[in-house]
Amino acid sequence: MTRRTAPRAALLAAGELLAWWAVLALLWLVLISTVDTLERVVGAGCAAVGAVLARTGRRAVSWR
């Protein structure tokens, strides 16, 4: 990775994490029955952990 490609790679990584987080947070909200503040906080935290694990797993499978 060079100085020119490092910002692009960081932007792509952040975009991928954000996409995973959005999908997992939406799935959480669809599957729960009541939506209150605590459920949103827990869902956001679980979605963040899931997004990091999903990106790590995808990179492990398609490592270059």
PDB file of N, CA and C in Angstrom:
ATOM      1  N   MET A   1       0.851  -1.160   0.000  1.00  0.00           N
ATOM      2  CA  MET A   1       0.000   0.000   0.000  1.00  0.00           C
ATOM      3  C   MET A   1       0.907   1.237   0.000  1.00  0.00           C
ATOM      4  N   THR A   2       0.635   2.132  -0.897  1.00  0.00           N
ATOM      5  CA  THR A   2       1.432   3.339  -1.009  1.00  0.00           C
ATOM      6  C   THR A   2       0.716   4.513  -0.349  1.00  0.00           C
ATOM      7  N   ARG A   3       1.391   5.638  -0.345  1.00  0.00           N
ATOM      8  CA  ARG A   3       0.773   6.834   0.241  1.00  0.00           C
ATOM      9  C   ARG A   3      -0.452   7.275  -0.541  1.00  0.00           C
ATOM     10  N   ARG A   4      -0.468   6.993  -1.834  1.00  0.00           N
ATOM     11  CA  ARG A   4      -1.608   7.405  -2.658  1.00  0.00           C
ATOM     12  C   ARG A   4      -2.810   6.496  -2.453  1.00  0.00           C
ATOM     13  N   THR A   5      -2.586   5.222  -2.190  1.00  0.00           N
ATOM     14  CA  THR A   5      -3.704   4.287  -2.066  1.00  0.00           C
ATOM     15  C   THR A   5      -4.193   4.120  -0.629  1.00  0.00           C
ATOM     16  N   ALA A   6      -3.420   4.571   0.346  1.00  0.00           N
ATOM     17  CA  ALA A   6      -3.817   4.407   1.747  1.00  0.00           C
ATOM     18  C   ALA A   6      -5.127   5.126   2.083  1.00  0.00           C
ATOM     19  N   PRO A   7      -5.302   6.395   1.685  1.00  0.00           N
ATOM     20  CA  PRO A   7      -6.596   7.043   2.011  1.00  0.00           C
ATOM     21  C   PRO A   7      -7.785   6.362   1.330  1.00  0.00           C
ATOM     22  N   ARG A   8      -7.588   5.897   0.115  1.00  0.00           N
ATOM     23  CA  ARG A   8      -8.670   5.209  -0.597  1.00  0.00           C
ATOM     24  C   ARG A   8      -9.024   3.907   0.102  1.00  0.00           C
ATOM     25  N   ALA A   9      -8.020   3.168   0.546  1.00  0.00           N
ATOM     26  CA  ALA A   9      -8.271   1.909   1.243  1.00  0.00           C
ATOM     27  C   ALA A   9      -8.990   2.153   2.568  1.00  0.00           C
ATOM     28  N   ALA A  10      -8.605   3.203   3.271  1.00  0.00           N
ATOM     29  CA  ALA A  10      -9.267   3.527   4.541  1.00  0.00           C
ATOM     30  C   ALA A  10     -10.719   3.929   4.304  1.00  0.00           C
ATOM     31  N   LEU A  11     -10.962   4.666   3.243  1.00  0.00           N
ATOM     32  CA  LEU A  11     -12.327   5.081   2.915  1.00  0.00           C
ATOM     33  C   LEU A  11     -13.184   3.876   2.533  1.00  0.00           C
ATOM     34  N   LEU A  12     -12.620   2.956   1.774  1.00  0.00           N
ATOM     35  CA  LEU A  12     -13.359   1.750   1.412  1.00  0.00           C
ATOM     36  C   LEU A  12     -13.652   0.883   2.636  1.00  0.00           C
ATOM     37  N   ALA A  13     -12.693   0.780   3.538  1.00  0.00           N
ATOM     38  CA  ALA A  13     -12.898   0.001   4.761  1.00  0.00           C
ATOM     39  C   ALA A  13     -13.992   0.621   5.619  1.00  0.00           C
ATOM     40  N   ALA A  14     -13.972   1.943   5.740  1.00  0.00           N
ATOM     41  CA  ALA A  14     -15.002   2.625   6.524  1.00  0.00           C
ATOM     42  C   ALA A  14     -16.370   2.465   5.874  1.00  0.00           C
ATOM     43  N   GLY A  15     -16.425   2.538   4.560  1.00  0.00           N
ATOM     44  CA  GLY A  15     -17.691   2.348   3.853  1.00  0.00           C
ATOM     45  C   GLY A  15     -18.230   0.943   4.020  1.00  0.00           C
ATOM     46  N   GLU A  16     -17.335  -0.037   3.978  1.00  0.00           N
ATOM     47  CA  GLU A  16     -17.777  -1.420   4.162  1.00  0.00           C
ATOM     48  C   GLU A  16     -18.290  -1.651   5.578  1.00  0.00           C
ATOM     49  N   LEU A  17     -17.592  -1.107   6.566  1.00  0.00           N
ATOM     50  CA  LEU A  17     -18.059  -1.238   7.946  1.00  0.00           C
ATOM     51  C   LEU A  17     -19.408  -0.558   8.142  1.00  0.00           C
ATOM     52  N   LEU A  18     -19.573   0.612   7.555  1.00  0.00           N
ATOM     53  CA  LEU A  18     -20.842   1.328   7.669  1.00  0.00           C
ATOM     54  C   LEU A  18     -21.977   0.549   7.003  1.00  0.00           C
ATOM     55  N   ALA A  19     -21.708  -0.050   5.859  1.00  0.00           N
ATOM     56  CA  ALA A  19     -22.734  -0.840   5.168  1.00  0.00           C
ATOM     57  C   ALA A  19     -23.124  -2.063   5.998  1.00  0.00           C
ATOM     58  N   TRP A  20     -22.133  -2.773   6.518  1.00  0.00           N
ATOM     59  CA  TRP A  20     -22.432  -3.936   7.359  1.00  0.00           C
ATOM     60  C   TRP A  20     -23.228  -3.512   8.592  1.00  0.00           C
ATOM     61  N   TRP A  21     -22.805  -2.390   9.209  1.00  0.00           N
ATOM     62  CA  TRP A  21     -23.493  -1.923  10.406  1.00  0.00           C
ATOM     63  C   TRP A  21     -24.948  -1.593  10.100  1.00  0.00           C
ATOM     64  N   ALA A  22     -25.189  -0.919   8.995  1.00  0.00           N
ATOM     65  CA  ALA A  22     -26.559  -0.531   8.642  1.00  0.00           C
ATOM     66  C   ALA A  22     -27.437  -1.755   8.414  1.00  0.00           C
ATOM     67  N   VAL A  23     -26.914  -2.744   7.713  1.00  0.00           N
ATOM     68  CA  VAL A  23     -27.687  -3.962   7.449  1.00  0.00           C
ATOM     69  C   VAL A  23     -27.987  -4.703   8.752  1.00  0.00           C
ATOM     70  N   LEU A  24     -26.980  -4.852   9.594  1.00  0.00           N
ATOM     71  CA  LEU A  24     -27.182  -5.596  10.842  1.00  0.00           C
ATOM     72  C   LEU A  24     -28.082  -4.831  11.824  1.00  0.00           C
ATOM     73  N   ALA A  25     -27.958  -3.508  11.883  1.00  0.00           N
ATOM     74  CA  ALA A  25     -28.831  -2.717  12.759  1.00  0.00           C
ATOM     75  C   ALA A  25     -30.274  -2.788  12.278  1.00  0.00           C
ATOM     76  N   LEU A  26     -30.475  -2.720  10.969  1.00  0.00           N
ATOM     77  CA  LEU A  26     -31.832  -2.834  10.434  1.00  0.00           C
ATOM     78  C   LEU A  26     -32.412  -4.218  10.721  1.00  0.00           C
ATOM     79  N   LEU A  27     -31.612  -5.247  10.576  1.00  0.00           N
ATOM     80  CA  LEU A  27     -32.069  -6.603  10.888  1.00  0.00           C
ATOM     81  C   LEU A  27     -32.461  -6.709  12.357  1.00  0.00           C
ATOM     82  N   TRP A  28     -31.665  -6.115  13.233  1.00  0.00           N
ATOM     83  CA  TRP A  28     -31.983  -6.113  14.666  1.00  0.00           C
ATOM     84  C   TRP A  28     -33.332  -5.456  14.911  1.00  0.00           C
ATOM     85  N   LEU A  29     -33.564  -4.298  14.307  1.00  0.00           N
ATOM     86  CA  LEU A  29     -34.821  -3.587  14.510  1.00  0.00           C
ATOM     87  C   LEU A  29     -36.013  -4.347  13.956  1.00  0.00           C
ATOM     88  N   VAL A  30     -35.820  -5.092  12.884  1.00  0.00           N
ATOM     89  CA  VAL A  30     -36.910  -5.876  12.305  1.00  0.00           C
ATOM     90  C   VAL A  30     -37.261  -7.052  13.217  1.00  0.00           C
ATOM     91  N   LEU A  31     -36.266  -7.635  13.856  1.00  0.00           N
ATOM     92  CA  LEU A  31     -36.496  -8.853  14.629  1.00  0.00           C
ATOM     93  C   LEU A  31     -36.960  -8.625  16.071  1.00  0.00           C
ATOM     94  N   ILE A  32     -36.818  -7.412  16.601  1.00  0.00           N
ATOM     95  CA  ILE A  32     -37.270  -7.201  17.975  1.00  0.00           C
ATOM     96  C   ILE A  32     -38.729  -6.742  17.964  1.00  0.00           C
ATOM     97  N   SER A  33     -39.401  -6.961  19.078  1.00  0.00           N
ATOM     98  CA  SER A  33     -40.821  -6.630  19.120  1.00  0.00           C
ATOM     99  C   SER A  33     -41.073  -5.209  19.624  1.00  0.00           C
ATOM    100  N   THR A  34     -40.290  -4.740  20.589  1.00  0.00           N
ATOM    101  CA  THR A  34     -40.468  -3.385  21.098  1.00  0.00           C
ATOM    102  C   THR A  34     -39.226  -2.562  20.770  1.00  0.00           C
ATOM    103  N   VAL A  35     -39.460  -1.311  20.421  1.00  0.00           N
ATOM    104  CA  VAL A  35     -38.331  -0.439  20.078  1.00  0.00           C
ATOM    105  C   VAL A  35     -38.296   0.702  21.087  1.00  0.00           C
ATOM    106  N   ASP A  36     -37.376   0.617  22.041  1.00  0.00           N
ATOM    107  CA  ASP A  36     -37.159   1.717  22.962  1.00  0.00           C
ATOM    108  C   ASP A  36     -35.673   2.083  22.923  1.00  0.00           C
ATOM    109  N   THR A  37     -35.277   3.045  23.712  1.00  0.00           N
ATOM    110  CA  THR A  37     -33.921   3.575  23.648  1.00  0.00           C
ATOM    111  C   THR A  37     -32.870   2.512  23.958  1.00  0.00           C
ATOM    112  N   LEU A  38     -33.109   1.713  24.989  1.00  0.00           N
ATOM    113  CA  LEU A  38     -32.137   0.686  25.361  1.00  0.00           C
ATOM    114  C   LEU A  38     -31.971  -0.339  24.242  1.00  0.00           C
ATOM    115  N   GLU A  39     -33.059  -0.733  23.599  1.00  0.00           N
ATOM    116  CA  GLU A  39     -32.981  -1.680  22.484  1.00  0.00           C
ATOM    117  C   GLU A  39     -32.174  -1.102  21.320  1.00  0.00           C
ATOM    118  N   ARG A  40     -32.331   0.182  21.068  1.00  0.00           N
ATOM    119  CA  ARG A  40     -31.563   0.820  19.994  1.00  0.00           C
ATOM    120  C   ARG A  40     -30.077   0.850  20.308  1.00  0.00           C
ATOM    121  N   VAL A  41     -29.741   1.144  21.561  1.00  0.00           N
ATOM    122  CA  VAL A  41     -28.328   1.202  21.967  1.00  0.00           C
ATOM    123  C   VAL A  41     -27.696  -0.181  21.880  1.00  0.00           C
ATOM    124  N   VAL A  42     -28.380  -1.179  22.405  1.00  0.00           N
ATOM    125  CA  VAL A  42     -27.864  -2.545  22.352  1.00  0.00           C
ATOM    126  C   VAL A  42     -27.750  -3.015  20.909  1.00  0.00           C
ATOM    127  N   GLY A  43     -28.739  -2.722  20.102  1.00  0.00           N
ATOM    128  CA  GLY A  43     -28.709  -3.103  18.694  1.00  0.00           C
ATOM    129  C   GLY A  43     -27.570  -2.444  17.946  1.00  0.00           C
ATOM    130  N   ALA A  44     -27.321  -1.169  18.213  1.00  0.00           N
ATOM    131  CA  ALA A  44     -26.221  -0.466  17.562  1.00  0.00           C
ATOM    132  C   ALA A  44     -24.875  -1.060  17.966  1.00  0.00           C
ATOM    133  N   GLY A  45     -24.734  -1.392  19.232  1.00  0.00           N
ATOM    134  CA  GLY A  45     -23.486  -2.011  19.695  1.00  0.00           C
ATOM    135  C   GLY A  45     -23.258  -3.386  19.099  1.00  0.00           C
ATOM    136  N   CYS A  46     -24.296  -4.192  19.090  1.00  0.00           N
ATOM    137  CA  CYS A  46     -24.181  -5.535  18.501  1.00  0.00           C
ATOM    138  C   CYS A  46     -23.926  -5.456  17.001  1.00  0.00           C
ATOM    139  N   ALA A  47     -24.551  -4.503  16.337  1.00  0.00           N
ATOM    140  CA  ALA A  47     -24.333  -4.333  14.903  1.00  0.00           C
ATOM    141  C   ALA A  47     -22.896  -3.896  14.628  1.00  0.00           C
ATOM    142  N   ALA A  48     -22.324  -3.065  15.495  1.00  0.00           N
ATOM    143  CA  ALA A  48     -20.941  -2.624  15.319  1.00  0.00           C
ATOM    144  C   ALA A  48     -19.973  -3.802  15.464  1.00  0.00           C
ATOM    145  N   VAL A  49     -20.193  -4.615  16.476  1.00  0.00           N
ATOM    146  CA  VAL A  49     -19.348  -5.806  16.658  1.00  0.00           C
ATOM    147  C   VAL A  49     -19.513  -6.759  15.474  1.00  0.00           C
ATOM    148  N   GLY A  50     -20.740  -6.956  15.046  1.00  0.00           N
ATOM    149  CA  GLY A  50     -21.002  -7.827  13.906  1.00  0.00           C
ATOM    150  C   GLY A  50     -20.377  -7.303  12.624  1.00  0.00           C
ATOM    151  N   ALA A  51     -20.377  -5.986  12.445  1.00  0.00           N
ATOM    152  CA  ALA A  51     -19.781  -5.397  11.247  1.00  0.00           C
ATOM    153  C   ALA A  51     -18.269  -5.628  11.211  1.00  0.00           C
ATOM    154  N   VAL A  52     -17.628  -5.462  12.354  1.00  0.00           N
ATOM    155  CA  VAL A  52     -16.180  -5.705  12.414  1.00  0.00           C
ATOM    156  C   VAL A  52     -15.881  -7.177  12.142  1.00  0.00           C
ATOM    157  N   LEU A  53     -16.661  -8.069  12.723  1.00  0.00           N
ATOM    158  CA  LEU A  53     -16.448  -9.505  12.498  1.00  0.00           C
ATOM    159  C   LEU A  53     -16.738  -9.905  11.054  1.00  0.00           C
ATOM    160  N   ALA A  54     -17.758  -9.318  10.455  1.00  0.00           N
ATOM    161  CA  ALA A  54     -18.084  -9.629   9.062  1.00  0.00           C
ATOM    162  C   ALA A  54     -16.974  -9.167   8.130  1.00  0.00           C
ATOM    163  N   ARG A  55     -16.438  -7.970   8.365  1.00  0.00           N
ATOM    164  CA  ARG A  55     -15.349  -7.479   7.523  1.00  0.00           C
ATOM    165  C   ARG A  55     -14.095  -8.315   7.718  1.00  0.00           C
ATOM    166  N   THR A  56     -13.805  -8.676   8.945  1.00  0.00           N
ATOM    167  CA  THR A  56     -12.636  -9.511   9.220  1.00  0.00           C
ATOM    168  C   THR A  56     -12.777 -10.872   8.548  1.00  0.00           C
ATOM    169  N   GLY A  57     -13.949 -11.459   8.638  1.00  0.00           N
ATOM    170  CA  GLY A  57     -14.183 -12.750   8.001  1.00  0.00           C
ATOM    171  C   GLY A  57     -14.108 -12.680   6.489  1.00  0.00           C
ATOM    172  N   ARG A  58     -14.645 -11.613   5.904  1.00  0.00           N
ATOM    173  CA  ARG A  58     -14.574 -11.467   4.456  1.00  0.00           C
ATOM    174  C   ARG A  58     -13.144 -11.267   3.992  1.00  0.00           C
ATOM    175  N   ARG A  59     -12.363 -10.497   4.749  1.00  0.00           N
ATOM    176  CA  ARG A  59     -10.968 -10.298   4.372  1.00  0.00           C
ATOM    177  C   ARG A  59     -10.156 -11.585   4.537  1.00  0.00           C
ATOM    178  N   ALA A  60     -10.496 -12.405   5.528  1.00  0.00           N
ATOM    179  CA  ALA A  60      -9.772 -13.664   5.727  1.00  0.00           C
ATOM    180  C   ALA A  60     -10.018 -14.618   4.566  1.00  0.00           C
ATOM    181  N   VAL A  61     -11.220 -14.587   4.014  1.00  0.00           N
ATOM    182  CA  VAL A  61     -11.546 -15.469   2.908  1.00  0.00           C
ATOM    183  C   VAL A  61     -10.924 -14.969   1.608  1.00  0.00           C
ATOM    184  N   SER A  62     -10.888 -13.657   1.405  1.00  0.00           N
ATOM    185  CA  SER A  62     -10.389 -13.107   0.147  1.00  0.00           C
ATOM    186  C   SER A  62      -9.084 -12.345   0.344  1.00  0.00           C
ATOM    187  N   TRP A  63      -8.194 -12.905   1.139  1.00  0.00           N
ATOM    188  CA  TRP A  63      -6.918 -12.244   1.443  1.00  0.00           C
ATOM    189  C   TRP A  63      -6.044 -12.193   0.200  1.00  0.00           C
ATOM    190  N   ARG A  64      -5.418 -11.027  -0.029  1.00  0.00           N
ATOM    191  CA  ARG A  64      -4.514 -10.876  -1.180  1.00  0.00           C
ATOM    192  C   ARG A  64      -3.164 -10.432  -0.740  1.00  0.00           C
TER     193      ARG A  64
END
